[in-house]
C-alpha atoms as a PDB file:
ATOM      1  CA  MET A   1     262.703  40.120 188.632  1.00  0.00           C
ATOM      2  CA  LYS A   2     264.677  43.175 189.641  1.00  0.00           C
ATOM      3  CA  HIS A   3     263.097  46.651 189.142  1.00  0.00           C
ATOM      4  CA  THR A   4     265.345  49.702 188.873  1.00  0.00           C
ATOM      5  CA  LYS A   5     264.088  53.130 189.678  1.00  0.00           C
ATOM      6  CA  GLY A   6     264.481  55.889 187.090  1.00  0.00           C
ATOM      7  CA  PHE A   7     262.735  58.574 185.128  1.00  0.00           C
ATOM      8  CA  THR A   8     260.244  57.859 182.422  1.00  0.00           C
ATOM      9  CA  LEU A   9     260.616  59.323 178.970  1.00  0.00           C
ATOM     10  CA  ILE A  10     257.663  61.660 179.601  1.00  0.00           C
ATOM     11  CA  GLU A  11     259.252  63.013 182.797  1.00  0.00           C
ATOM     12  CA  LEU A  12     262.527  63.670 180.999  1.00  0.00           C
ATOM     13  CA  LEU A  13     260.745  65.468 178.141  1.00  0.00           C
ATOM     14  CA  VAL A  14     258.870  67.683 180.611  1.00  0.00           C
ATOM     15  CA  VAL A  15     262.125  68.645 182.359  1.00  0.00           C
ATOM     16  CA  VAL A  16     263.835  69.419 179.020  1.00  0.00           C
ATOM     17  CA  ALA A  17     260.847  71.545 177.943  1.00  0.00           C
ATOM     18  CA  ILE A  18     260.920  73.526 181.209  1.00  0.00           C
ATOM     19  CA  ILE A  19     264.670  74.133 180.888  1.00  0.00           C
ATOM     20  CA  GLY A  20     264.202  75.271 177.282  1.00  0.00           C
ATOM     21  CA  LEU A  21     261.423  77.671 178.271  1.00  0.00           C
ATOM     22  CA  LEU A  22     263.476  79.154 181.121  1.00  0.00           C
ATOM     23  CA  SER A  23     266.542  79.596 178.924  1.00  0.00           C
ATOM     24  CA  SER A  24     264.531  81.395 176.225  1.00  0.00           C
ATOM     25  CA  VAL A  25     263.075  83.799 178.817  1.00  0.00           C
ATOM     26  CA  ILE A  26     266.565  84.493 180.182  1.00  0.00           C
ATOM     27  CA  MET A  27     268.005  85.059 176.690  1.00  0.00           C
ATOM     28  CA  ALA A  28     265.207  87.531 175.845  1.00  0.00           C
ATOM     29  CA  SER A  29     265.924  89.446 179.058  1.00  0.00           C
ATOM     30  CA  LEU A  30     269.646  89.525 178.312  1.00  0.00           C
ATOM     31  CA  ASN A  31     269.013  90.835 174.796  1.00  0.00           C
ATOM     32  CA  SER A  32     266.873  93.651 176.184  1.00  0.00           C
ATOM     33  CA  ALA A  33     269.628  94.515 178.679  1.00  0.00           C
ATOM     34  CA  ARG A  34     272.215  94.569 175.878  1.00  0.00           C
ATOM     35  CA  ILE A  35     270.078  96.995 173.844  1.00  0.00           C
ATOM     36  CA  LYS A  36     269.662  99.286 176.853  1.00  0.00           C
ATOM     37  CA  ALA A  37     273.420  99.190 177.525  1.00  0.00           C
ATOM     38  CA  ARG A  38     274.295 100.074 173.902  1.00  0.00           C
ATOM     39  CA  ASP A  39     271.737 102.895 173.894  1.00  0.00           C
ATOM     40  CA  ALA A  40     273.119 104.193 177.220  1.00  0.00           C
ATOM     41  CA  LYS A  41     276.587 104.296 175.617  1.00  0.00           C
ATOM     42  CA  ARG A  42     275.152 106.195 172.645  1.00  0.00           C
ATOM     43  CA  ALA A  43     273.528 108.760 174.954  1.00  0.00           C
ATOM     44  CA  GLU A  44     276.856 109.248 176.748  1.00  0.00           C
ATOM     45  CA  ASP A  45     278.742 109.447 173.436  1.00  0.00           C
ATOM     46  CA  ILE A  46     276.486 112.181 172.031  1.00  0.00           C
ATOM     47  CA  HIS A  47     277.061 114.186 175.218  1.00  0.00           C
ATOM     48  CA  GLN A  48     280.853 113.680 175.018  1.00  0.00           C
ATOM     49  CA  ILE A  49     281.005 114.688 171.335  1.00  0.00           C
ATOM     50  CA  GLN A  50     278.890 117.760 172.032  1.00  0.00           C
ATOM     51  CA  THR A  51     281.200 118.687 174.922  1.00  0.00           C
ATOM     52  CA  ALA A  52     284.251 118.268 172.659  1.00  0.00           C
ATOM     53  CA  VAL A  53     282.691 120.465 169.959  1.00  0.00           C
ATOM     54  CA  GLU A  54     281.848 123.144 172.536  1.00  0.00           C
ATOM     55  CA  MET A  55     285.398 122.997 173.966  1.00  0.00           C
ATOM     56  CA  TYR A  56     286.719 123.428 170.415  1.00  0.00           C
ATOM     57  CA  TYR A  57     284.450 126.470 170.027  1.00  0.00           C
ATOM     58  CA  ASN A  58     285.695 127.982 173.304  1.00  0.00           C
ATOM     59  CA  ASP A  59     289.312 127.664 172.126  1.00  0.00           C
ATOM     60  CA  ASN A  60     288.806 128.748 168.488  1.00  0.00           C
ATOM     61  CA  GLY A  61     285.715 130.978 168.318  1.00  0.00           C
ATOM     62  CA  HIS A  62     283.946 128.717 165.804  1.00  0.00           C
ATOM     63  CA  TYR A  63     282.763 125.125 165.480  1.00  0.00           C
ATOM     64  CA  PRO A  64     284.613 122.662 163.231  1.00  0.00           C
ATOM     65  CA  ASN A  65     283.391 123.578 159.738  1.00  0.00           C
ATOM     66  CA  SER A  66     282.463 120.774 157.347  1.00  0.00           C
ATOM     67  CA  SER A  67     281.166 123.188 154.659  1.00  0.00           C
ATOM     68  CA  GLY A  68     277.673 121.753 154.918  1.00  0.00           C
ATOM     69  CA  SER A  69     278.810 118.180 154.218  1.00  0.00           C
ATOM     70  CA  TRP A  70     278.359 115.296 156.621  1.00  0.00           C
ATOM     71  CA  ALA A  71     281.490 114.154 158.456  1.00  0.00           C
ATOM     72  CA  SER A  72     281.796 111.264 160.872  1.00  0.00           C
ATOM     73  CA  PHE A  73     283.884 109.407 163.424  1.00  0.00           C
ATOM     74  CA  ASP A  74     282.756 105.950 162.357  1.00  0.00           C
ATOM     75  CA  SER A  75     280.486 105.935 159.291  1.00  0.00           C
ATOM     76  CA  PRO A  76     282.258 104.352 156.311  1.00  0.00           C
ATOM     77  CA  SER A  77     280.356 106.691 153.986  1.00  0.00           C
ATOM     78  CA  TYR A  78     281.198 109.928 155.817  1.00  0.00           C
ATOM     79  CA  SER A  79     284.383 109.464 157.881  1.00  0.00           C
ATOM     80  CA  PRO A  80     286.682 110.368 154.954  1.00  0.00           C
ATOM     81  CA  GLN A  81     285.005 113.833 154.731  1.00  0.00           C
ATOM     82  CA  THR A  82     287.522 116.564 155.501  1.00  0.00           C
ATOM     83  CA  ILE A  83     286.935 119.381 157.953  1.00  0.00           C
ATOM     84  CA  VAL A  84     287.628 122.764 156.316  1.00  0.00           C
ATOM     85  CA  SER A  85     288.362 124.743 159.457  1.00  0.00           C
ATOM     86  CA  PRO A  86     290.493 123.583 161.098  1.00  0.00           C
ATOM     87  CA  ALA A  87     292.148 121.950 158.114  1.00  0.00           C
ATOM     88  CA  ALA A  88     291.778 118.340 159.217  1.00  0.00           C
ATOM     89  CA  ALA A  89     291.576 115.046 157.391  1.00  0.00           C
ATOM     90  CA  ASN A  90     288.355 114.127 159.205  1.00  0.00           C
ATOM     91  CA  LEU A  91     286.221 114.790 162.283  1.00  0.00           C
ATOM     92  CA  ALA A  92     288.320 112.578 164.568  1.00  0.00           C
ATOM     93  CA  ALA A  93     291.453 114.547 163.638  1.00  0.00           C
ATOM     94  CA  ALA A  94     289.737 117.920 164.147  1.00  0.00           C
ATOM     95  CA  LEU A  95     288.533 116.978 167.630  1.00  0.00           C
ATOM     96  CA  LYS A  96     291.540 114.895 168.687  1.00  0.00           C
ATOM     97  CA  PRO A  97     292.687 117.363 171.400  1.00  0.00           C
ATOM     98  CA  TYR A  98     289.202 117.175 172.978  1.00  0.00           C
ATOM     99  CA  ILE A  99     288.002 113.594 172.551  1.00  0.00           C
ATOM    100  CA  GLY A 100     289.424 110.253 171.502  1.00  0.00           C
ATOM    101  CA  TYR A 101     288.039 108.177 168.676  1.00  0.00           C
ATOM    102  CA  THR A 102     284.510 107.036 169.405  1.00  0.00           C
ATOM    103  CA  SER A 103     282.203 104.735 167.503  1.00  0.00           C
ATOM    104  CA  ASP A 104     278.825 103.109 167.735  1.00  0.00           C
ATOM    105  CA  PRO A 105     278.803  99.937 169.875  1.00  0.00           C
ATOM    106  CA  LYS A 106     276.971  98.010 167.128  1.00  0.00           C
ATOM    107  CA  SER A 107     278.074  99.304 163.757  1.00  0.00           C
ATOM    108  CA  LEU A 108     275.650  98.858 160.877  1.00  0.00           C
ATOM    109  CA  GLY A 109     278.145 100.081 158.265  1.00  0.00           C
ATOM    110  CA  GLY A 110     277.229 102.155 155.223  1.00  0.00           C
ATOM    111  CA  ASP A 111     275.851 105.589 156.043  1.00  0.00           C
ATOM    112  CA  SER A 112     274.969 104.791 159.670  1.00  0.00           C
ATOM    113  CA  GLY A 113     276.924 106.047 162.639  1.00  0.00           C
ATOM    114  CA  TYR A 114     277.933 109.182 164.488  1.00  0.00           C
ATOM    115  CA  LEU A 115     277.550 112.050 162.001  1.00  0.00           C
ATOM    116  CA  TYR A 116     278.420 115.761 162.228  1.00  0.00           C
ATOM    117  CA  ILE A 117     277.579 118.742 160.031  1.00  0.00           C
ATOM    118  CA  SER A 118     278.341 122.455 160.193  1.00  0.00           C
ATOM    119  CA  GLY A 119     277.514 124.857 157.402  1.00  0.00           C
ATOM    120  CA  THR A 120     279.521 127.891 158.457  1.00  0.00           C
ATOM    121  CA  GLY A 121     281.282 127.112 161.721  1.00  0.00           C
ATOM    122  CA  ALA A 122     278.602 129.129 163.549  1.00  0.00           C
ATOM    123  CA  ASP A 123     276.265 126.147 163.952  1.00  0.00           C
ATOM    124  CA  TYR A 124     276.402 122.348 164.069  1.00  0.00           C
ATOM    125  CA  CYS A 125     274.405 119.178 164.346  1.00  0.00           C
ATOM    126  CA  ILE A 126     275.501 115.838 165.757  1.00  0.00           C
ATOM    127  CA  LEU A 127     273.279 113.040 164.449  1.00  0.00           C
ATOM    128  CA  PHE A 128     273.414 109.366 165.383  1.00  0.00           C
ATOM    129  CA  TRP A 129     271.846 107.936 162.241  1.00  0.00           C
ATOM    130  CA  ARG A 130     270.176 104.487 162.131  1.00  0.00           C
ATOM    131  CA  THR A 131     272.108 103.194 165.162  1.00  0.00           C
ATOM    132  CA  PRO A 132     269.816 103.780 168.193  1.00  0.00           C
ATOM    133  CA  GLU A 133     267.966 100.545 168.856  1.00  0.00           C
ATOM    134  CA  ASN A 134     265.079 101.769 171.040  1.00  0.00           C
ATOM    135  CA  LEU A 135     264.171 105.454 170.947  1.00  0.00           C
ATOM    136  CA  LYS A 136     262.353 105.059 174.278  1.00  0.00           C
ATOM    137  CA  ASP A 137     265.820 104.739 175.869  1.00  0.00           C
ATOM    138  CA  PHE A 138     266.513 108.430 175.054  1.00  0.00           C
ATOM    139  CA  GLY A 139     265.021 111.672 176.299  1.00  0.00           C
ATOM    140  CA  SER A 140     262.542 113.309 173.938  1.00  0.00           C
ATOM    141  CA  SER A 141     264.954 116.225 173.435  1.00  0.00           C
ATOM    142  CA  LEU A 142     267.361 113.841 171.641  1.00  0.00           C
ATOM    143  CA  VAL A 143     264.823 112.190 169.308  1.00  0.00           C
ATOM    144  CA  ASN A 144     264.894 113.773 165.865  1.00  0.00           C
ATOM    145  CA  TYR A 145     261.215 114.528 165.263  1.00  0.00           C
ATOM    146  CA  ALA A 146     262.125 116.324 162.035  1.00  0.00           C
ATOM    147  CA  ARG A 147     262.839 112.851 160.667  1.00  0.00           C
ATOM    148  CA  CYS A 148     260.729 110.666 162.974  1.00  0.00           C
ATOM    149  CA  THR A 149     257.029 111.474 163.203  1.00  0.00           C
ATOM    150  CA  GLY A 150     256.487 109.196 166.192  1.00  0.00           C
ATOM    151  CA  ILE A 151     257.716 106.121 168.066  1.00  0.00           C
ATOM    152  CA  ASP A 152     255.904 102.788 167.888  1.00  0.00           C
ATOM    153  CA  SER A 153     255.409 100.412 170.838  1.00  0.00           C
ATOM    154  CA  ASN A 154     258.760  98.704 170.106  1.00  0.00           C
ATOM    155  CA  GLY A 155     260.717 101.973 170.308  1.00  0.00           C
ATOM    156  CA  GLN A 156     261.196 102.241 166.541  1.00  0.00           C
ATOM    157  CA  CYS A 157     260.812 105.428 164.510  1.00  0.00           C
ATOM    158  CA  ILE A 158     257.634 105.819 162.470  1.00  0.00           C
ATOM    159  CA  GLY A 159     258.315 107.207 158.999  1.00  0.00           C
ATOM    160  CA  SER A 160     262.132 107.068 158.973  1.00  0.00           C
ATOM    161  CA  SER A 161     265.156 105.354 160.495  1.00  0.00           C
ATOM    162  CA  ASN A 162     265.986 105.642 164.187  1.00  0.00           C
ATOM    163  CA  SER A 163     268.122 108.669 164.995  1.00  0.00           C
ATOM    164  CA  ILE A 164     268.960 111.027 167.828  1.00  0.00           C
ATOM    165  CA  TYR A 165     270.585 114.447 167.578  1.00  0.00           C
ATOM    166  CA  VAL A 166     271.762 117.615 169.278  1.00  0.00           C
ATOM    167  CA  GLY A 167     272.031 120.843 167.328  1.00  0.00           C
ATOM    168  CA  VAL A 168     272.943 124.493 167.702  1.00  0.00           C
ATOM    169  CA  GLY A 169     271.975 127.492 165.576  1.00  0.00           C
ATOM    170  CA  SER A 170     270.190 126.650 162.371  1.00  0.00           C
ATOM    171  CA  TYR A 171     270.299 122.969 163.352  1.00  0.00           C
ATOM    172  CA  SER A 172     268.639 123.367 166.754  1.00  0.00           C
ATOM    173  CA  GLY A 173     265.347 122.028 165.355  1.00  0.00           C
ATOM    174  CA  GLY A 174     266.874 118.995 163.685  1.00  0.00           C
ATOM    175  CA  CYS A 175     269.244 118.031 160.951  1.00  0.00           C
END
């Protein structure tokens, strides 16, 4: 009788279980890294938009005026909103000399996205609404505590949807 050497069924199942466990740990780590990367892009985008708005102000003596209505680069609900001064079809057109089109790296559609409001052209707020994935990835000066009363252990807003903002004038405390 000839005996061949090989693995038993139990040994094979143990190896498959170990590989499955390792792959799930790796996938969870990759997902966390993806969230951090998207939030890092959002933090850079809010800075770039703010810089573009300030450059516009330096050239024109006022901020792009949306007449107190929300405008946007990428939100389907708000991107069609016109900018009154300068007369522009939308926010992207008003800021075109200062910044290219920018959008959230993981669009949620609807009213989420990169929003902008100015009541008179003397003030403004840039709000990233519902798109930040972990508020712990942002400095506390960017977290909109007017909307978010606190952050839970998973980096999610307590009492509202995740958002970050920068504001000037009447919007310096939130929008």
